[in-house]
Amino acid sequence: MSGRDTSFYYSFLVLPPSQRRAIIAVWDFCRAADDAVDTQSDQTTARAELARWRRELDAAFGHGEPSTPQGRELRHWVRAFSLTRWHFDALMTGVEMDLEPRRYVTYPQLREYSERVASAVGLICLEIFGVRDGSADRYAHELGIALQLTNIL
């Protein structure tokens, strides 16, 4: 599924073209990594897929050559917007948390998961929007949690 196949895509149509394409590339990469793990029938294959997407992320950040269309496109925008690797790593850790199906017993546990799979994406978006002074980080962080909780509900 690409970002263009969801209602999420339409929210970015008003952005300038380069920001819109960057957001779509981030979305496509994150979605592909998450789907690759979620669609596996066994833990061994899912972990191998996650490792493959982590290598693809390494390549997108200049450590090798990306091998997927998502990685190649992301690499372009990582460079163009000087995107922060840490946010992508947080997201990949959240994807990894999905490998062990569980119910989160406490809100802090659920919040940690939500921060990784959703808030990280919001912080990446801020970088693409050019907001790098920290003024909106808290809002992006909390919005990510709220959207993830809504998605779960």
Foldseek 3Di string as FASTA:
>chain_A
DFPVVDVNLVVCPPPPVVLSLLLRLVRRLLVVLLCQLVPDPDLVSSVVSLVLSVVLLVVLCPPNHHDDPSSNSNSVSCVVLVFDSVLVVLQSVLSVVVSDDDDDPDPVVLLSSLQSNFLSSLVRSCSSVVNDPPPCSVVSSVVSSVVVVVVVD
